Amino acid sequence: MPTGYTAKLMEKGQDFRSFVLTCARGMGACVMQRDDPMDEPPAKQKPSDYHVKAIAEAGKKLAKLKAMTPAKQRAHGEELRAAELARLKQSQAEEQKQEARLELMAAQVRAWQPPSKDHQGLQDFMLDQIKISKHGDWMAKYVREAEQKGAEAYFVEALSKAARDIDYHREEHDKEVARTNGRNEWIDQLYKSLP
């Protein structure tokens, strides 16, 4: 039975060079051509521009944050604080609903009379599952911390994050370029080795 790499060889015949180039499409150097038609030979690639665009976006964000007046910095910090508190309180409310469901079920499991001693393990198992699923009100700690943190701290965090994003995306872009160069070198070497 033919594979995607041997179908043409088996059905129509194929010269060595064409067969090598078809099979090369299955190698890591050609990973970026995975969605291209199989009859397209290995081709050199260009680095993705994802990280370049992300650097530009983070740079704009950093510049915008740095350009803010102290009053706008405080207002932005307050917006970030309010959004974080809303997110945390929503998570806390969901957590409390989950805890209530677990408590209700635990009460039902404890009230249940297993039909035999052999079923006692099931009751113990159910209670254990409920116990390990409970996490208490751990979100309360994060809500308190968020409430105690001032608007200035939220602004400074946003400023730091934008700067870190630039560094991160620069580093990742350098890695992307190195990977692409390595793939392209592999493809060059392949073509040079073929008749």
N, C-alpha and C. Protein backbone atom coordinates (compact mmCIF):
# COMPACT_ATOMS: atom_id res chain seq x y z
N MET A 1 0.85 -1.17 0.00
CA MET A 1 0.00 0.00 0.00
C MET A 1 0.90 1.24 0.00
N PRO A 2 0.65 2.19 -0.87
CA PRO A 2 1.50 3.37 -0.95
C PRO A 2 1.27 4.33 0.22
N THR A 3 2.31 5.08 0.54
CA THR A 3 2.19 6.16 1.50
C THR A 3 2.16 7.45 0.71
N GLY A 4 2.00 8.55 1.37
CA GLY A 4 2.04 9.84 0.69
C GLY A 4 3.39 10.09 0.03
N TYR A 5 4.41 9.41 0.53
CA TYR A 5 5.76 9.60 -0.02
C TYR A 5 6.06 8.64 -1.16
N THR A 6 5.41 7.47 -1.19
CA THR A 6 5.70 6.49 -2.23
C THR A 6 4.61 6.38 -3.29
N ALA A 7 3.51 7.09 -3.14
CA ALA A 7 2.39 6.95 -4.08
C ALA A 7 2.82 7.25 -5.51
N LYS A 8 3.48 8.38 -5.73
CA LYS A 8 3.88 8.75 -7.09
C LYS A 8 4.87 7.73 -7.65
N LEU A 9 5.81 7.29 -6.81
CA LEU A 9 6.80 6.28 -7.23
C LEU A 9 6.10 5.00 -7.67
N MET A 10 5.13 4.56 -6.88
CA MET A 10 4.46 3.31 -7.18
C MET A 10 3.51 3.43 -8.36
N GLU A 11 2.83 4.57 -8.50
CA GLU A 11 1.81 4.70 -9.54
C GLU A 11 2.38 5.09 -10.89
N LYS A 12 3.34 6.02 -10.91
CA LYS A 12 3.82 6.56 -12.19
C LYS A 12 5.31 6.34 -12.40
N GLY A 13 6.03 6.03 -11.35
CA GLY A 13 7.48 5.97 -11.42
C GLY A 13 8.04 7.34 -11.06
N GLN A 14 9.26 7.35 -10.58
CA GLN A 14 9.84 8.59 -10.11
C GLN A 14 11.36 8.42 -10.14
N ASP A 15 12.07 9.49 -10.53
CA ASP A 15 13.52 9.39 -10.50
C ASP A 15 14.03 9.59 -9.07
N PHE A 16 15.29 9.27 -8.85
CA PHE A 16 15.88 9.33 -7.53
C PHE A 16 15.75 10.72 -6.91
N ARG A 17 16.11 11.75 -7.67
CA ARG A 17 16.08 13.12 -7.16
C ARG A 17 14.67 13.49 -6.70
N SER A 18 13.67 13.19 -7.49
CA SER A 18 12.29 13.52 -7.14
C SER A 18 11.84 12.75 -5.91
N PHE A 19 12.25 11.47 -5.80
CA PHE A 19 11.87 10.68 -4.64
C PHE A 19 12.52 11.24 -3.38
N VAL A 20 13.80 11.62 -3.45
CA VAL A 20 14.49 12.19 -2.30
C VAL A 20 13.78 13.48 -1.86
N LEU A 21 13.46 14.34 -2.82
CA LEU A 21 12.82 15.61 -2.48
C LEU A 21 11.42 15.40 -1.90
N THR A 22 10.71 14.39 -2.38
CA THR A 22 9.40 14.08 -1.82
C THR A 22 9.55 13.62 -0.37
N CYS A 23 10.48 12.70 -0.13
CA CYS A 23 10.69 12.19 1.23
C CYS A 23 11.24 13.26 2.17
N ALA A 24 12.02 14.20 1.62
CA ALA A 24 12.58 15.27 2.45
C ALA A 24 11.48 16.11 3.07
N ARG A 25 10.31 16.12 2.44
CA ARG A 25 9.19 16.89 2.99
C ARG A 25 8.76 16.37 4.35
N GLY A 26 9.13 15.13 4.69
CA GLY A 26 8.79 14.55 5.99
C GLY A 26 9.80 14.89 7.08
N MET A 27 10.84 15.61 6.72
CA MET A 27 11.89 15.93 7.69
C MET A 27 11.60 17.29 8.36
N GLY A 28 12.20 17.47 9.51
CA GLY A 28 11.97 18.68 10.31
C GLY A 28 12.30 19.97 9.60
N ALA A 29 13.27 19.94 8.69
CA ALA A 29 13.65 21.17 7.98
C ALA A 29 12.51 21.68 7.11
N CYS A 30 11.59 20.80 6.76
CA CYS A 30 10.48 21.18 5.89
C CYS A 30 9.16 21.30 6.65
N VAL A 31 9.23 21.39 7.95
CA VAL A 31 8.03 21.42 8.78
C VAL A 31 7.10 22.57 8.40
N MET A 32 7.65 23.67 7.95
CA MET A 32 6.81 24.81 7.62
C MET A 32 6.04 24.59 6.31
N GLN A 33 6.35 23.53 5.58
CA GLN A 33 5.62 23.21 4.35
C GLN A 33 4.58 22.11 4.56
N ARG A 34 4.30 21.81 5.82
CA ARG A 34 3.42 20.68 6.12
C ARG A 34 2.04 20.82 5.49
N ASP A 35 1.58 22.03 5.25
CA ASP A 35 0.25 22.22 4.67
C ASP A 35 0.30 22.42 3.15
N ASP A 36 1.50 22.47 2.59
CA ASP A 36 1.65 22.65 1.14
C ASP A 36 1.40 21.32 0.43
N PRO A 37 1.03 21.37 -0.85
CA PRO A 37 0.84 20.12 -1.61
C PRO A 37 2.13 19.30 -1.62
N MET A 38 1.99 17.99 -1.56
CA MET A 38 3.16 17.09 -1.49
C MET A 38 4.05 17.17 -2.72
N ASP A 39 3.53 17.61 -3.85
CA ASP A 39 4.37 17.67 -5.05
C ASP A 39 5.28 18.89 -5.08
N GLU A 40 5.16 19.77 -4.09
CA GLU A 40 6.07 20.92 -4.01
C GLU A 40 7.36 20.48 -3.33
N PRO A 41 8.50 20.70 -3.96
CA PRO A 41 9.77 20.27 -3.36
C PRO A 41 10.13 21.14 -2.15
N PRO A 42 11.08 20.69 -1.34
CA PRO A 42 11.51 21.49 -0.21
C PRO A 42 11.94 22.89 -0.67
N ALA A 43 11.53 23.89 0.08
CA ALA A 43 11.85 25.27 -0.27
C ALA A 43 12.41 25.99 0.95
N LYS A 44 13.27 26.94 0.66
CA LYS A 44 13.80 27.74 1.75
C LYS A 44 12.66 28.54 2.38
N GLN A 45 12.82 28.78 3.66
CA GLN A 45 11.78 29.48 4.42
C GLN A 45 12.27 30.83 4.89
N LYS A 46 11.32 31.66 5.26
CA LYS A 46 11.64 32.94 5.88
C LYS A 46 11.21 32.86 7.34
N PRO A 47 11.92 33.53 8.23
CA PRO A 47 11.49 33.52 9.63
C PRO A 47 10.10 34.13 9.76
N SER A 48 9.35 33.61 10.71
CA SER A 48 8.02 34.17 11.01
C SER A 48 8.18 35.60 11.49
N ASP A 49 7.21 36.43 11.16
CA ASP A 49 7.26 37.82 11.61
C ASP A 49 6.45 38.03 12.89
N TYR A 50 5.98 36.94 13.47
CA TYR A 50 5.16 37.05 14.68
C TYR A 50 5.86 37.84 15.78
N HIS A 51 7.11 37.48 16.07
CA HIS A 51 7.82 38.14 17.17
C HIS A 51 8.20 39.58 16.82
N VAL A 52 8.47 39.84 15.55
CA VAL A 52 8.78 41.21 15.13
C VAL A 52 7.55 42.10 15.38
N LYS A 53 6.38 41.58 15.01
CA LYS A 53 5.14 42.34 15.25
C LYS A 53 4.89 42.51 16.75
N ALA A 54 5.16 41.47 17.52
CA ALA A 54 4.94 41.54 18.97
C ALA A 54 5.90 42.54 19.61
N ILE A 55 7.12 42.63 19.11
CA ILE A 55 8.09 43.63 19.61
C ILE A 55 7.55 45.03 19.35
N ALA A 56 7.04 45.23 18.14
CA ALA A 56 6.50 46.54 17.79
C ALA A 56 5.31 46.90 18.68
N GLU A 57 4.42 45.94 18.92
CA GLU A 57 3.25 46.20 19.78
C GLU A 57 3.68 46.51 21.21
N ALA A 58 4.61 45.71 21.73
CA ALA A 58 5.08 45.95 23.10
C ALA A 58 5.81 47.29 23.19
N GLY A 59 6.53 47.64 22.13
CA GLY A 59 7.22 48.94 22.10
C GLY A 59 6.24 50.09 22.12
N LYS A 60 5.16 49.96 21.36
CA LYS A 60 4.11 51.00 21.36
C LYS A 60 3.49 51.12 22.75
N LYS A 61 3.21 49.96 23.34
CA LYS A 61 2.59 49.96 24.66
C LYS A 61 3.52 50.60 25.69
N LEU A 62 4.80 50.24 25.63
CA LEU A 62 5.78 50.80 26.56
C LEU A 62 5.89 52.32 26.37
N ALA A 63 5.96 52.76 25.12
CA ALA A 63 6.06 54.19 24.84
C ALA A 63 4.82 54.93 25.34
N LYS A 64 3.65 54.33 25.13
CA LYS A 64 2.40 54.94 25.58
C LYS A 64 2.38 55.07 27.11
N LEU A 65 2.82 54.01 27.78
CA LEU A 65 2.84 54.04 29.25
C LEU A 65 3.83 55.09 29.76
N LYS A 66 5.01 55.16 29.13
CA LYS A 66 6.03 56.12 29.57
C LYS A 66 5.60 57.56 29.31
N ALA A 67 4.77 57.76 28.29
CA ALA A 67 4.34 59.12 27.94
C ALA A 67 3.21 59.63 28.83
N MET A 68 2.64 58.78 29.65
CA MET A 68 1.52 59.19 30.50
C MET A 68 1.97 60.17 31.58
N THR A 69 1.11 61.11 31.83
CA THR A 69 1.35 62.03 32.94
C THR A 69 1.12 61.26 34.24
N PRO A 70 1.63 61.76 35.37
CA PRO A 70 1.39 61.06 36.64
C PRO A 70 -0.10 60.81 36.92
N ALA A 71 -0.94 61.74 36.56
CA ALA A 71 -2.38 61.56 36.78
C ALA A 71 -2.93 60.43 35.92
N LYS A 72 -2.48 60.37 34.66
CA LYS A 72 -2.93 59.29 33.77
C LYS A 72 -2.36 57.95 34.21
N GLN A 73 -1.12 57.97 34.73
CA GLN A 73 -0.53 56.73 35.24
C GLN A 73 -1.39 56.18 36.38
N ARG A 74 -1.78 57.08 37.28
CA ARG A 74 -2.60 56.66 38.42
C ARG A 74 -3.96 56.14 37.93
N ALA A 75 -4.58 56.83 36.99
CA ALA A 75 -5.88 56.40 36.46
C ALA A 75 -5.76 55.04 35.77
N HIS A 76 -4.68 54.87 35.01
CA HIS A 76 -4.46 53.58 34.34
C HIS A 76 -4.24 52.48 35.38
N GLY A 77 -3.46 52.79 36.40
CA GLY A 77 -3.23 51.82 37.48
C GLY A 77 -4.54 51.45 38.17
N GLU A 78 -5.41 52.43 38.37
CA GLU A 78 -6.73 52.16 38.98
C GLU A 78 -7.57 51.26 38.08
N GLU A 79 -7.52 51.50 36.76
CA GLU A 79 -8.26 50.64 35.82
C GLU A 79 -7.74 49.21 35.90
N LEU A 80 -6.42 49.05 35.92
CA LEU A 80 -5.83 47.72 36.00
C LEU A 80 -6.21 47.03 37.31
N ARG A 81 -6.18 47.81 38.38
CA ARG A 81 -6.54 47.28 39.71
C ARG A 81 -7.99 46.83 39.71
N ALA A 82 -8.88 47.66 39.20
CA ALA A 82 -10.31 47.32 39.17
C ALA A 82 -10.56 46.06 38.33
N ALA A 83 -9.90 45.96 37.19
CA ALA A 83 -10.07 44.79 36.33
C ALA A 83 -9.56 43.53 37.03
N GLU A 84 -8.43 43.64 37.70
CA GLU A 84 -7.87 42.48 38.41
C GLU A 84 -8.78 42.06 39.56
N LEU A 85 -9.27 43.04 40.31
CA LEU A 85 -10.18 42.72 41.41
C LEU A 85 -11.46 42.06 40.90
N ALA A 86 -12.00 42.55 39.80
CA ALA A 86 -13.22 41.97 39.23
C ALA A 86 -12.96 40.52 38.81
N ARG A 87 -11.82 40.28 38.18
CA ARG A 87 -11.47 38.92 37.74
C ARG A 87 -11.31 37.99 38.94
N LEU A 88 -10.60 38.46 39.95
CA LEU A 88 -10.37 37.63 41.13
C LEU A 88 -11.67 37.36 41.90
N LYS A 89 -12.52 38.37 42.01
CA LYS A 89 -13.79 38.18 42.73
C LYS A 89 -14.71 37.22 41.97
N GLN A 90 -14.66 37.28 40.66
CA GLN A 90 -15.45 36.33 39.86
C GLN A 90 -14.94 34.91 40.09
N SER A 91 -13.62 34.75 40.10
CA SER A 91 -13.03 33.43 40.37
C SER A 91 -13.38 32.96 41.77
N GLN A 92 -13.35 33.88 42.72
CA GLN A 92 -13.68 33.54 44.10
C GLN A 92 -15.14 33.09 44.20
N ALA A 93 -16.04 33.76 43.51
CA ALA A 93 -17.46 33.38 43.54
C ALA A 93 -17.64 31.98 42.94
N GLU A 94 -16.95 31.69 41.86
CA GLU A 94 -17.03 30.37 41.24
C GLU A 94 -16.45 29.31 42.18
N GLU A 95 -15.37 29.65 42.83
CA GLU A 95 -14.74 28.74 43.79
C GLU A 95 -15.72 28.43 44.93
N GLN A 96 -16.43 29.44 45.42
CA GLN A 96 -17.38 29.24 46.51
C GLN A 96 -18.55 28.34 46.06
N LYS A 97 -18.99 28.49 44.82
CA LYS A 97 -20.04 27.61 44.29
C LYS A 97 -19.55 26.17 44.25
N GLN A 98 -18.31 25.98 43.81
CA GLN A 98 -17.74 24.63 43.73
C GLN A 98 -17.63 24.01 45.13
N GLU A 99 -17.17 24.81 46.08
CA GLU A 99 -17.04 24.32 47.45
C GLU A 99 -18.41 23.92 48.00
N ALA A 100 -19.44 24.71 47.72
CA ALA A 100 -20.79 24.39 48.19
C ALA A 100 -21.28 23.08 47.57
N ARG A 101 -20.99 22.88 46.29
CA ARG A 101 -21.39 21.62 45.63
C ARG A 101 -20.69 20.43 46.28
N LEU A 102 -19.39 20.62 46.57
CA LEU A 102 -18.64 19.54 47.21
C LEU A 102 -19.19 19.24 48.61
N GLU A 103 -19.50 20.28 49.36
CA GLU A 103 -20.04 20.10 50.72
C GLU A 103 -21.39 19.38 50.68
N LEU A 104 -22.24 19.78 49.76
CA LEU A 104 -23.55 19.14 49.62
C LEU A 104 -23.39 17.66 49.30
N MET A 105 -22.49 17.35 48.37
CA MET A 105 -22.29 15.96 48.00
C MET A 105 -21.66 15.19 49.15
N ALA A 106 -20.73 15.79 49.88
CA ALA A 106 -20.09 15.10 51.02
C ALA A 106 -21.15 14.73 52.05
N ALA A 107 -22.09 15.62 52.32
CA ALA A 107 -23.15 15.33 53.28
C ALA A 107 -24.00 14.15 52.80
N GLN A 108 -24.29 14.10 51.50
CA GLN A 108 -25.09 13.01 50.95
C GLN A 108 -24.32 11.69 51.02
N VAL A 109 -23.02 11.76 50.74
CA VAL A 109 -22.20 10.54 50.78
C VAL A 109 -22.10 10.02 52.21
N ARG A 110 -21.92 10.93 53.19
CA ARG A 110 -21.82 10.50 54.59
C ARG A 110 -23.16 9.91 55.07
N ALA A 111 -24.26 10.45 54.57
CA ALA A 111 -25.58 9.96 54.97
C ALA A 111 -25.93 8.62 54.31
N TRP A 112 -25.27 8.30 53.23
CA TRP A 112 -25.56 7.06 52.50
C TRP A 112 -25.08 5.85 53.30
N GLN A 113 -25.91 4.84 53.35
CA GLN A 113 -25.55 3.59 54.02
C GLN A 113 -25.13 2.59 52.95
N PRO A 114 -23.83 2.28 52.86
CA PRO A 114 -23.39 1.30 51.87
C PRO A 114 -24.14 -0.03 52.07
N PRO A 115 -24.53 -0.70 50.98
CA PRO A 115 -25.34 -1.92 51.09
C PRO A 115 -24.58 -3.11 51.68
N SER A 116 -23.23 -3.05 51.68
CA SER A 116 -22.46 -4.15 52.27
C SER A 116 -21.10 -3.61 52.70
N LYS A 117 -20.37 -4.43 53.44
CA LYS A 117 -19.02 -4.03 53.85
C LYS A 117 -18.12 -3.84 52.62
N ASP A 118 -18.41 -4.60 51.57
CA ASP A 118 -17.63 -4.47 50.33
C ASP A 118 -17.80 -3.10 49.67
N HIS A 119 -18.90 -2.43 49.97
CA HIS A 119 -19.18 -1.11 49.39
C HIS A 119 -18.62 0.03 50.24
N GLN A 120 -18.13 -0.27 51.43
CA GLN A 120 -17.59 0.75 52.30
C GLN A 120 -16.41 1.47 51.62
N GLY A 121 -15.63 0.71 50.88
CA GLY A 121 -14.49 1.30 50.16
C GLY A 121 -14.94 2.35 49.16
N LEU A 122 -16.11 2.13 48.56
CA LEU A 122 -16.65 3.11 47.62
C LEU A 122 -16.99 4.41 48.34
N GLN A 123 -17.65 4.31 49.50
CA GLN A 123 -17.99 5.50 50.26
C GLN A 123 -16.72 6.24 50.69
N ASP A 124 -15.73 5.49 51.17
CA ASP A 124 -14.47 6.10 51.58
C ASP A 124 -13.79 6.78 50.39
N PHE A 125 -13.84 6.11 49.25
CA PHE A 125 -13.23 6.67 48.04
C PHE A 125 -13.92 7.97 47.63
N MET A 126 -15.26 7.98 47.67
CA MET A 126 -15.99 9.19 47.29
C MET A 126 -15.64 10.35 48.22
N LEU A 127 -15.59 10.08 49.53
CA LEU A 127 -15.24 11.14 50.48
C LEU A 127 -13.81 11.63 50.27
N ASP A 128 -12.93 10.70 49.94
CA ASP A 128 -11.54 11.09 49.67
C ASP A 128 -11.45 11.96 48.42
N GLN A 129 -12.21 11.61 47.40
CA GLN A 129 -12.20 12.41 46.17
C GLN A 129 -12.70 13.83 46.44
N ILE A 130 -13.73 13.92 47.25
CA ILE A 130 -14.26 15.24 47.61
C ILE A 130 -13.23 16.02 48.41
N LYS A 131 -12.60 15.35 49.37
CA LYS A 131 -11.60 16.01 50.21
C LYS A 131 -10.43 16.56 49.38
N ILE A 132 -9.93 15.76 48.45
CA ILE A 132 -8.77 16.24 47.67
C ILE A 132 -9.17 17.30 46.63
N SER A 133 -10.46 17.36 46.32
CA SER A 133 -10.93 18.37 45.36
C SER A 133 -11.17 19.72 46.02
N LYS A 134 -11.35 19.72 47.33
CA LYS A 134 -11.62 20.98 48.04
C LYS A 134 -10.33 21.79 48.13
N HIS A 135 -10.49 23.06 47.93
CA HIS A 135 -9.31 23.92 48.05
C HIS A 135 -9.54 25.06 49.01
N GLY A 136 -10.67 25.11 49.62
CA GLY A 136 -10.94 26.17 50.58
C GLY A 136 -11.07 27.51 49.88
N ASP A 137 -10.98 28.55 50.62
CA ASP A 137 -11.12 29.89 50.06
C ASP A 137 -9.74 30.49 49.80
N TRP A 138 -8.96 29.81 48.98
CA TRP A 138 -7.61 30.30 48.71
C TRP A 138 -7.62 31.56 47.87
N MET A 139 -8.69 31.81 47.13
CA MET A 139 -8.78 33.03 46.33
C MET A 139 -8.88 34.27 47.22
N ALA A 140 -9.37 34.11 48.43
CA ALA A 140 -9.51 35.26 49.34
C ALA A 140 -8.15 35.92 49.56
N LYS A 141 -7.11 35.12 49.63
CA LYS A 141 -5.76 35.66 49.81
C LYS A 141 -5.39 36.58 48.65
N TYR A 142 -5.69 36.14 47.43
CA TYR A 142 -5.35 36.95 46.25
C TYR A 142 -6.21 38.20 46.16
N VAL A 143 -7.46 38.09 46.57
CA VAL A 143 -8.33 39.27 46.58
C VAL A 143 -7.79 40.29 47.57
N ARG A 144 -7.42 39.82 48.78
CA ARG A 144 -6.87 40.74 49.79
C ARG A 144 -5.59 41.41 49.27
N GLU A 145 -4.72 40.63 48.66
CA GLU A 145 -3.47 41.19 48.13
C GLU A 145 -3.75 42.24 47.06
N ALA A 146 -4.70 41.94 46.18
CA ALA A 146 -5.05 42.87 45.11
C ALA A 146 -5.67 44.15 45.68
N GLU A 147 -6.46 44.00 46.72
CA GLU A 147 -7.08 45.18 47.35
C GLU A 147 -6.04 46.05 48.04
N GLN A 148 -5.03 45.42 48.60
CA GLN A 148 -3.99 46.17 49.32
C GLN A 148 -3.00 46.85 48.40
N LYS A 149 -2.86 46.32 47.21
CA LYS A 149 -1.90 46.87 46.26
C LYS A 149 -2.48 48.14 45.63
N GLY A 150 -1.68 49.18 45.60
CA GLY A 150 -2.16 50.46 45.08
C GLY A 150 -2.07 50.56 43.57
N ALA A 151 -2.68 51.60 43.04
CA ALA A 151 -2.71 51.85 41.61
C ALA A 151 -1.30 52.00 41.04
N GLU A 152 -0.41 52.62 41.80
CA GLU A 152 0.97 52.82 41.33
C GLU A 152 1.66 51.47 41.07
N ALA A 153 1.43 50.51 41.96
CA ALA A 153 2.04 49.19 41.78
C ALA A 153 1.52 48.52 40.51
N TYR A 154 0.24 48.66 40.24
CA TYR A 154 -0.32 48.08 39.01
C TYR A 154 0.29 48.74 37.78
N PHE A 155 0.48 50.05 37.84
CA PHE A 155 1.07 50.76 36.71
C PHE A 155 2.51 50.30 36.50
N VAL A 156 3.28 50.20 37.57
CA VAL A 156 4.68 49.78 37.47
C VAL A 156 4.76 48.36 36.90
N GLU A 157 3.84 47.48 37.32
CA GLU A 157 3.81 46.13 36.78
C GLU A 157 3.53 46.15 35.27
N ALA A 158 2.62 46.99 34.84
CA ALA A 158 2.31 47.09 33.40
C ALA A 158 3.52 47.59 32.63
N LEU A 159 4.23 48.56 33.19
CA LEU A 159 5.44 49.10 32.57
C LEU A 159 6.51 48.01 32.47
N SER A 160 6.70 47.29 33.55
CA SER A 160 7.69 46.20 33.57
C SER A 160 7.33 45.09 32.59
N LYS A 161 6.05 44.76 32.53
CA LYS A 161 5.61 43.70 31.62
C LYS A 161 5.88 44.08 30.17
N ALA A 162 5.60 45.31 29.81
CA ALA A 162 5.84 45.74 28.43
C ALA A 162 7.33 45.64 28.10
N ALA A 163 8.19 46.03 29.03
CA ALA A 163 9.64 45.93 28.80
C ALA A 163 10.07 44.47 28.69
N ARG A 164 9.53 43.61 29.57
CA ARG A 164 9.85 42.18 29.50
C ARG A 164 9.37 41.56 28.20
N ASP A 165 8.19 42.00 27.74
CA ASP A 165 7.66 41.47 26.47
C ASP A 165 8.60 41.79 25.32
N ILE A 166 9.17 42.97 25.31
CA ILE A 166 10.12 43.34 24.24
C ILE A 166 11.32 42.41 24.30
N ASP A 167 11.89 42.24 25.48
CA ASP A 167 13.06 41.35 25.63
C ASP A 167 12.72 39.92 25.22
N TYR A 168 11.57 39.43 25.69
CA TYR A 168 11.16 38.07 25.38
C TYR A 168 11.02 37.87 23.87
N HIS A 169 10.32 38.77 23.21
CA HIS A 169 10.07 38.60 21.78
C HIS A 169 11.35 38.80 20.96
N ARG A 170 12.26 39.63 21.43
CA ARG A 170 13.56 39.74 20.74
C ARG A 170 14.30 38.41 20.81
N GLU A 171 14.34 37.83 22.00
CA GLU A 171 15.01 36.55 22.19
C GLU A 171 14.36 35.46 21.34
N GLU A 172 13.04 35.42 21.35
CA GLU A 172 12.34 34.40 20.57
C GLU A 172 12.51 34.60 19.07
N HIS A 173 12.58 35.86 18.63
CA HIS A 173 12.81 36.13 17.22
C HIS A 173 14.21 35.64 16.82
N ASP A 174 15.19 35.89 17.68
CA ASP A 174 16.55 35.41 17.39
C ASP A 174 16.56 33.88 17.26
N LYS A 175 15.83 33.19 18.12
CA LYS A 175 15.74 31.73 18.04
C LYS A 175 15.05 31.30 16.75
N GLU A 176 13.99 32.03 16.37
CA GLU A 176 13.27 31.71 15.13
C GLU A 176 14.18 31.87 13.91
N VAL A 177 14.97 32.93 13.90
CA VAL A 177 15.92 33.15 12.80
C VAL A 177 16.94 32.03 12.76
N ALA A 178 17.46 31.64 13.92
CA ALA A 178 18.46 30.55 13.97
C ALA A 178 17.85 29.24 13.48
N ARG A 179 16.61 28.94 13.90
CA ARG A 179 15.95 27.71 13.44
C ARG A 179 15.75 27.74 11.92
N THR A 180 15.30 28.87 11.42
CA THR A 180 15.06 29.00 9.98
C THR A 180 16.37 28.86 9.22
N ASN A 181 17.42 29.50 9.70
CA ASN A 181 18.72 29.38 9.04
C ASN A 181 19.20 27.93 9.03
N GLY A 182 18.98 27.22 10.14
CA GLY A 182 19.36 25.80 10.20
C GLY A 182 18.56 24.96 9.21
N ARG A 183 17.27 25.22 9.10
CA ARG A 183 16.44 24.48 8.14
C ARG A 183 16.90 24.77 6.71
N ASN A 184 17.15 26.05 6.44
CA ASN A 184 17.57 26.43 5.09
C ASN A 184 18.93 25.84 4.74
N GLU A 185 19.82 25.76 5.71
CA GLU A 185 21.13 25.13 5.47
C GLU A 185 20.95 23.65 5.14
N TRP A 186 20.07 22.98 5.87
CA TRP A 186 19.79 21.57 5.62
C TRP A 186 19.26 21.39 4.20
N ILE A 187 18.35 22.27 3.78
CA ILE A 187 17.78 22.19 2.43
C ILE A 187 18.87 22.46 1.38
N ASP A 188 19.72 23.47 1.60
CA ASP A 188 20.83 23.75 0.67
C ASP A 188 21.74 22.53 0.53
N GLN A 189 22.09 21.94 1.66
CA GLN A 189 22.98 20.77 1.63
C GLN A 189 22.32 19.62 0.87
N LEU A 190 21.03 19.45 1.06
CA LEU A 190 20.31 18.38 0.37
C LEU A 190 20.38 18.58 -1.14
N TYR A 191 20.04 19.77 -1.61
CA TYR A 191 20.06 20.04 -3.05
C TYR A 191 21.47 19.87 -3.63
N LYS A 192 22.49 20.29 -2.91
CA LYS A 192 23.87 20.16 -3.40
C LYS A 192 24.31 18.70 -3.49
N SER A 193 23.69 17.82 -2.68
CA SER A 193 24.09 16.41 -2.68
C SER A 193 23.43 15.62 -3.79
N LEU A 194 22.43 16.19 -4.44
CA LEU A 194 21.67 15.44 -5.44
C LEU A 194 22.19 15.68 -6.86
N PRO A 195 22.05 14.63 -7.68
CA PRO A 195 22.47 14.79 -9.09
C PRO A 195 21.53 15.71 -9.85
